[in-house]
Protein backbone atom coordinates (compact mmCIF):
# COMPACT_ATOMS: atom_id res chain seq x y z
CA MET A 1 -14.73 57.34 67.66
CA ARG A 2 -11.91 57.73 70.14
CA ALA A 3 -8.76 55.66 69.87
CA ARG A 4 -5.23 55.62 71.24
CA ARG A 5 -1.89 55.10 69.54
CA LEU A 6 1.83 55.14 70.19
CA TYR A 7 3.89 58.21 69.51
CA PHE A 8 7.46 59.39 70.07
CA PRO A 9 7.51 62.73 71.91
CA ALA A 10 11.33 62.71 71.79
CA VAL A 11 14.26 60.43 70.95
CA ASN A 12 14.14 57.16 72.95
CA ARG A 13 10.74 58.01 74.43
CA THR A 14 7.40 56.37 73.70
CA ALA A 15 4.01 57.48 75.04
CA TRP A 16 0.30 57.00 74.47
CA GLU A 17 -1.76 59.54 72.58
CA GLU A 18 -5.53 59.69 72.23
CA PHE A 19 -6.98 60.76 68.90
CA GLU A 20 -10.30 61.06 67.13
CA ILE A 21 -11.39 58.84 64.24
CA PRO A 22 -13.74 60.62 61.80
CA SER A 23 -17.23 59.15 61.74
CA PRO A 24 -18.35 58.60 59.10
CA PRO A 25 -14.99 58.22 57.33
CA GLU A 26 -13.89 60.57 54.56
CA PRO A 27 -15.09 59.38 51.11
CA HIS A 28 -11.85 57.49 50.38
CA GLY A 29 -11.17 56.53 53.98
CA VAL A 30 -11.13 53.15 55.72
CA VAL A 31 -11.30 52.59 59.48
CA ALA A 32 -10.13 49.26 60.93
CA ARG A 33 -10.09 47.78 64.42
CA ALA A 34 -6.51 46.77 65.08
CA ILE A 35 -5.61 43.10 65.54
CA CYS A 36 -1.81 43.39 65.52
CA SER A 37 0.98 45.59 64.16
CA LEU A 38 4.65 45.06 63.38
CA VAL A 39 7.47 47.30 64.58
CA SER A 40 9.70 48.34 61.69
CA PRO A 41 13.29 47.51 62.70
CA GLY A 42 14.65 49.89 60.05
CA THR A 43 13.35 53.42 59.60
CA GLU A 44 11.00 53.31 62.58
CA LEU A 45 13.72 52.20 64.98
CA ALA A 46 16.22 54.68 63.51
CA ILE A 47 13.81 57.56 64.19
CA TYR A 48 13.18 56.31 67.72
CA SER A 49 16.87 55.91 68.56
CA GLY A 50 18.00 59.13 66.90
CA THR A 51 20.22 57.39 64.33
CA HIS A 52 18.20 58.28 61.22
CA ILE A 53 20.20 60.28 58.68
CA GLY A 54 17.47 62.92 58.75
CA TYR A 55 18.69 64.15 62.14
CA SER A 56 21.92 65.35 60.52
CA LEU A 57 20.35 66.94 57.44
CA PRO A 58 19.44 70.63 57.25
CA GLU A 59 16.16 69.65 55.55
CA PRO A 60 14.98 66.19 56.72
CA PRO A 61 12.82 64.24 54.24
CA PHE A 62 9.94 64.21 56.76
CA PRO A 63 9.21 65.55 60.26
CA LEU A 64 11.18 63.46 62.76
CA MET A 65 9.92 64.47 66.21
CA PRO A 66 7.33 64.19 67.52
CA HIS A 67 6.64 61.09 65.45
CA ARG A 68 3.75 58.63 65.16
CA PRO A 69 5.38 55.30 64.30
CA GLY A 70 4.14 52.29 62.43
CA TYR A 71 3.05 51.37 58.91
CA ALA A 72 2.24 47.64 59.07
CA LEU A 73 -1.05 46.89 60.85
CA VAL A 74 -3.62 44.16 60.37
CA GLY A 75 -7.17 44.93 61.38
CA GLU A 76 -10.84 44.30 60.72
CA VAL A 77 -12.65 46.88 58.65
CA ALA A 78 -15.06 48.85 60.84
CA ALA A 79 -16.22 51.49 58.36
CA VAL A 80 -15.55 52.59 54.79
CA GLY A 81 -16.05 55.89 53.03
CA SER A 82 -18.65 56.43 50.33
CA ALA A 83 -16.07 56.20 47.50
CA VAL A 84 -14.55 52.88 48.67
CA GLN A 85 -16.10 50.13 46.57
CA ASP A 86 -13.84 47.09 47.00
CA LEU A 87 -13.70 46.69 50.79
CA ALA A 88 -16.45 45.63 53.20
CA GLU A 89 -17.02 45.87 56.93
CA GLY A 90 -15.67 42.84 58.79
CA GLU A 91 -12.99 42.14 56.16
CA ARG A 92 -9.45 41.52 57.39
CA VAL A 93 -6.94 43.93 55.85
CA LEU A 94 -3.30 44.92 55.94
CA ILE A 95 -3.33 48.68 56.38
CA GLU A 96 -0.53 51.22 56.20
CA ALA A 97 -1.18 52.88 59.54
CA GLY A 98 0.48 53.49 62.89
CA HIS A 99 0.45 51.38 66.05
CA GLY A 100 -2.88 51.87 67.80
CA THR A 101 -6.25 50.48 68.73
CA LEU A 102 -7.92 51.81 65.58
CA ALA A 103 -6.40 52.60 62.20
CA VAL A 104 -7.55 55.03 59.54
CA ALA A 105 -6.14 55.40 56.03
CA ASP A 106 -6.90 57.19 52.78
CA THR A 107 -6.96 54.48 50.11
CA ARG A 108 -5.64 56.92 47.47
CA THR A 109 -2.31 57.29 49.24
CA HIS A 110 -2.01 54.45 51.79
CA ALA A 111 -2.25 50.72 51.24
CA VAL A 112 -5.34 48.87 52.45
CA VAL A 113 -5.12 45.32 51.12
CA PRO A 114 -7.32 42.29 51.91
CA VAL A 115 -5.46 39.52 53.74
CA PRO A 116 -5.89 36.03 52.23
CA ALA A 117 -7.53 33.49 54.52
CA ALA A 118 -4.40 31.32 54.47
CA VAL A 119 -2.23 34.07 56.01
CA PRO A 120 -2.51 34.36 59.82
CA SER A 121 -3.00 37.83 61.24
CA SER A 122 0.30 37.50 63.13
CA ARG A 123 2.20 36.98 59.86
CA ALA A 124 0.36 39.35 57.55
CA PRO A 125 2.12 42.56 58.74
CA LEU A 126 5.40 41.06 57.50
CA ALA A 127 4.13 41.51 53.94
CA ARG A 128 4.67 45.24 54.37
CA LEU A 129 8.41 44.58 54.81
CA ALA A 130 8.35 42.21 51.84
CA GLY A 131 6.83 45.04 49.83
CA ILE A 132 9.88 47.16 50.65
CA ALA A 133 12.20 44.34 49.58
CA PHE A 134 10.34 44.08 46.26
CA THR A 135 11.84 47.47 45.31
CA ALA A 136 15.28 45.89 44.85
CA LEU A 137 13.88 43.12 42.64
CA ARG A 138 11.93 45.55 40.45
CA LEU A 139 14.84 47.96 39.95
CA ALA A 140 17.46 45.25 39.41
CA PRO A 141 15.59 42.21 38.05
CA PRO A 142 17.84 39.14 37.85
CA GLN A 143 18.44 36.95 34.86
CA LEU A 144 18.02 33.21 35.43
CA GLY A 145 21.18 32.00 37.13
CA ASP A 146 22.50 35.41 38.20
CA ARG A 147 24.64 35.33 41.32
CA VAL A 148 23.09 37.60 43.96
CA VAL A 149 24.45 38.71 47.32
CA VAL A 150 22.34 40.28 50.06
CA LEU A 151 24.33 42.10 52.73
CA GLY A 152 22.34 42.18 55.96
CA LEU A 153 19.69 39.66 57.01
CA GLY A 154 17.15 41.72 58.86
CA LEU A 155 13.52 41.30 57.84
CA VAL A 156 13.94 43.25 54.59
CA GLY A 157 17.16 41.42 53.72
CA LEU A 158 15.60 38.01 54.38
CA PHE A 159 12.69 38.88 52.12
CA ALA A 160 15.01 40.26 49.43
CA GLY A 161 16.98 37.01 49.39
CA GLN A 162 13.82 34.96 48.96
CA LEU A 163 12.42 37.23 46.25
CA PHE A 164 15.61 37.11 44.19
CA ARG A 165 15.54 33.31 44.43
CA LEU A 166 11.93 33.32 43.23
CA GLY A 167 13.08 35.60 40.40
CA GLY A 168 15.60 33.01 39.19
CA ALA A 169 18.85 34.02 40.90
CA ARG A 170 21.18 31.14 41.83
CA PRO A 171 22.85 31.14 44.18
CA VAL A 172 21.61 33.82 46.54
CA VAL A 173 24.09 34.45 49.33
CA GLY A 174 23.11 36.29 52.50
CA MET A 175 25.75 37.88 54.74
CA ASP A 176 25.30 38.69 58.42
CA ARG A 177 27.12 38.40 61.75
CA LEU A 178 24.20 37.00 63.77
CA ALA A 179 23.85 33.23 63.95
CA ALA A 180 20.05 33.23 64.33
CA ARG A 181 19.59 35.26 61.16
CA LEU A 182 22.02 33.11 59.20
CA LYS A 183 20.10 30.03 60.30
CA LEU A 184 16.82 31.53 59.09
CA ALA A 185 18.41 32.45 55.76
CA GLU A 186 19.61 28.90 55.23
CA ALA A 187 16.12 27.57 55.98
CA TYR A 188 14.78 29.89 53.26
CA GLY A 189 17.21 28.59 50.64
CA ILE A 190 19.70 31.43 50.99
CA VAL A 191 23.36 30.43 51.26
CA PRO A 192 24.65 31.86 54.58
CA ALA A 193 27.88 33.86 54.76
CA ASP A 194 28.99 34.25 58.37
CA ALA A 195 30.94 37.48 58.82
CA SER A 196 31.28 37.17 62.60
CA ASN A 197 34.83 35.82 62.46
CA GLU A 198 36.20 36.98 59.11
CA GLU A 199 36.00 39.96 56.78
CA PRO A 200 32.56 40.27 55.13
CA ALA A 201 33.95 40.15 51.59
CA ALA A 202 35.94 36.99 52.33
CA ALA A 203 32.92 35.33 53.95
CA VAL A 204 30.74 36.17 50.95
CA ARG A 205 33.26 34.93 48.39
CA ARG A 206 33.61 31.69 50.30
CA ALA A 207 29.84 31.14 50.31
CA LEU A 208 29.46 32.31 46.72
CA ALA A 209 32.31 30.07 45.47
CA ALA A 210 33.13 32.90 43.08
CA PRO A 211 35.03 36.19 43.25
CA CYS A 212 32.04 38.42 42.50
CA ALA A 213 28.28 38.62 42.03
CA ASP A 214 26.04 39.96 39.28
CA ILE A 215 23.84 41.85 41.75
CA VAL A 216 24.69 42.95 45.29
CA VAL A 217 21.91 44.21 47.56
CA GLU A 218 23.00 46.41 50.46
CA ALA A 219 20.35 45.90 53.15
CA THR A 220 22.15 46.98 56.34
CA GLY A 221 22.00 50.76 55.98
CA SER A 222 25.58 50.97 57.28
CA PRO A 223 27.81 53.42 55.38
CA ALA A 224 30.78 51.10 55.92
CA VAL A 225 29.13 48.34 53.92
CA LEU A 226 28.70 50.21 50.62
CA PRO A 227 32.40 49.93 49.60
CA ILE A 228 32.19 46.20 50.38
CA ALA A 229 29.12 45.88 48.17
CA LEU A 230 30.87 47.66 45.30
CA ASP A 231 33.93 45.46 45.70
CA LEU A 232 31.81 42.31 45.51
CA ALA A 233 30.00 43.29 42.32
CA ARG A 234 31.39 42.09 38.99
CA HIS A 235 32.46 44.43 36.20
CA GLY A 236 29.24 45.86 34.78
CA GLY A 237 27.23 44.50 37.70
CA SER A 238 24.63 46.21 39.88
CA VAL A 239 24.70 47.37 43.49
CA VAL A 240 21.29 48.11 44.99
CA LEU A 241 20.93 50.39 48.01
CA LEU A 242 17.90 48.82 49.66
CA GLY A 243 18.78 49.81 53.22
CA SER A 244 18.50 53.53 54.03
CA THR A 245 22.13 54.54 54.55
CA ARG A 246 22.60 56.01 58.04
CA GLY A 247 25.42 58.43 57.32
CA THR A 248 27.99 59.61 54.81
CA VAL A 249 30.10 57.23 52.73
CA VAL A 250 33.79 57.56 51.85
CA LEU A 251 34.94 55.38 48.96
CA ASP A 252 37.32 55.13 46.01
CA ALA A 253 34.78 55.97 43.31
CA TYR A 254 37.35 55.59 40.51
CA SER A 255 38.27 51.99 41.37
CA LEU A 256 34.95 50.75 42.72
CA LEU A 257 32.47 52.51 40.41
CA HIS A 258 34.04 54.18 37.40
CA ARG A 259 36.53 51.54 36.24
CA LYS A 260 34.14 48.67 37.00
CA ALA A 261 31.17 50.27 35.17
CA ILE A 262 28.93 49.54 38.15
CA ARG A 263 25.25 50.45 38.16
CA LEU A 264 24.53 51.95 41.59
CA ILE A 265 20.78 51.91 42.19
CA GLY A 266 18.92 53.76 44.92
CA ALA A 267 16.02 51.53 45.95
CA HIS A 268 14.04 53.51 48.50
CA GLU A 269 10.48 52.26 48.15
CA SER A 270 9.37 55.71 46.98
CA ALA A 271 11.21 54.90 43.72
CA LEU A 272 8.04 53.02 42.72
CA PRO A 273 4.70 54.86 42.49
CA PHE A 274 1.93 53.88 44.86
CA GLN A 275 -0.65 52.51 42.45
CA ALA A 276 -0.22 53.85 38.90
CA ASP A 277 2.17 54.76 36.06
CA HIS A 278 4.35 51.68 36.47
CA PRO A 279 3.97 47.98 35.65
CA TRP A 280 4.79 47.11 39.27
CA PRO A 281 3.52 49.83 41.62
CA ARG A 282 3.92 49.39 45.37
CA LEU A 283 0.29 48.38 45.90
CA ARG A 284 0.59 45.53 43.38
CA ASN A 285 3.82 44.32 44.99
CA LEU A 286 2.18 44.30 48.42
CA THR A 287 -0.77 42.28 47.14
CA LEU A 288 1.62 39.82 45.50
CA ALA A 289 3.62 39.49 48.71
CA LEU A 290 0.48 38.39 50.57
CA ASP A 291 -0.41 35.96 47.79
CA LEU A 292 3.10 34.45 47.88
CA MET A 293 2.82 34.07 51.64
CA ALA A 294 -0.56 32.35 51.22
CA SER A 295 0.87 29.90 48.68
CA GLY A 296 3.94 29.16 50.81
CA ASP A 297 6.38 30.50 48.22
CA LEU A 298 7.41 33.35 50.55
CA VAL A 299 8.33 31.92 53.95
CA THR A 300 7.99 33.78 57.24
CA ASP A 301 8.60 31.00 59.78
CA GLY A 302 10.83 32.30 62.56
CA MET A 303 10.64 35.98 61.62
CA ILE A 304 8.40 36.96 64.54
CA THR A 305 10.53 36.65 67.66
CA ASP A 306 8.30 38.58 70.10
CA GLU A 307 4.56 39.06 70.56
CA LEU A 308 3.69 41.81 73.03
CA SER A 309 0.33 42.73 74.50
CA ALA A 310 -0.85 46.33 74.13
CA GLU A 311 0.03 46.85 77.80
CA ARG A 312 3.70 46.17 76.94
CA ALA A 313 3.73 48.17 73.70
CA LEU A 314 5.64 51.10 75.20
CA GLY A 315 8.72 48.88 75.48
CA ALA A 316 8.59 47.38 72.00
CA HIS A 317 11.22 49.64 70.44
CA ASP A 318 13.61 49.22 73.34
CA LEU A 319 13.82 45.48 72.63
CA LEU A 320 15.15 46.09 69.14
CA ARG A 321 17.41 48.96 70.17
CA ASP A 322 19.00 47.27 73.17
CA ASN A 323 19.31 43.67 72.04
CA PRO A 324 19.05 43.23 68.25
CA GLU A 325 20.80 39.86 68.49
CA ALA A 326 17.78 38.38 70.27
CA HIS A 327 14.92 40.26 68.60
CA LEU A 328 13.99 40.45 64.92
CA GLY A 329 10.25 40.80 64.35
CA VAL A 330 8.37 42.46 67.23
CA LEU A 331 4.58 42.19 67.01
CA ILE A 332 2.10 44.13 69.11
CA ARG A 333 -1.25 42.44 69.70
CA TRP A 334 -4.07 44.92 70.17
C-alpha cells in the first residue's frame, strides 16, 4: 500500500513524502487508516523550529533532520500482523505514529491502544500528551493534601495539573503568562497564577497562599524557569523536570538544591519502560488516560484550538511557532 506523510527536510520546512506500507504487515505490526493526528507543541515543534537542545549537542539523542514528525494519531485498523491477537480490523485505535494518511507501528515498541467509544476521535490524540504528563505523577506521587505547582500550562502542563489533582494534591497551582491557558486551567480545577504582570514566583505564592510547595513541576522547558522552580519548592520537597529543557541552566546549587535537600527528578517519558518491568509502564498510563477521558475525570474541553484539513497540514507547525498565544492544540484531519 502506498501512503503519504509529513516530513521536515530542514529546519522550518515541511513537505510531503510518499512511502510504502508493508502488505501483509510484519508479525507484530498494525496498519491503520488515519482519522486525525495531533501536532506536538513540545518536542515536535522544537525540532521543526531548530530550538531543540539536540541541535547544540555533539551527540544528539536522536537524528534531528530530516525528521518525520508526529506520535499521536487516531485511525481505524486496516490490517494486523499474525502475532497481534488483541486488535481487530475496523477497530479505532490511538497509535504512536507520524502524521500521514496511513500509520504503521510495531506493537512491541510503539503504542497501539483501543479508543473507548465515549472518546471522540478529535480528542483521543490528546491522551498521548496526557501519557507524557503521567511521568511526573509516577516519579513524584503526591500525598493527599500536598501543595503542587505546575509551571507552564501547555497541553502537558494542563494534563499534569489535572493528574496531580486526581492523585490527591490540594491545591494545584498552574503558572503561565497567557490568559487563555490560565482560563482553561481554572476550568479544570487548577488555581491560576498569572505571571504576565508580576514575577512568576510572586504570582505563584499569591495563588498558593503559602511560601512554598511540596512538589513543583517544571513544564515549560525554559532554562530560566528551573531556578524559579527550585526556589518555590519547600525544604525536602521535589522539583520535577517534565518539560525538556531547551538549553543550559545557571543556578546557585548550594542555596537552591544542597541546603534545601531538594529532590530534582528528571521526568522524560523514557524514564518509564514501555510495557514491562514497572508497575506503571507507559502503555498502562496511556490506556488509563483514555479511560479517564471516557469517564470525564480527565477534561479536554478547549484544548483543541485548530482543526486543519490534510490540504492545510503543511502549515500546521507554523501556527504554533508564529503565534503560540492563539494556538494550543492543532489537529490534522486526514
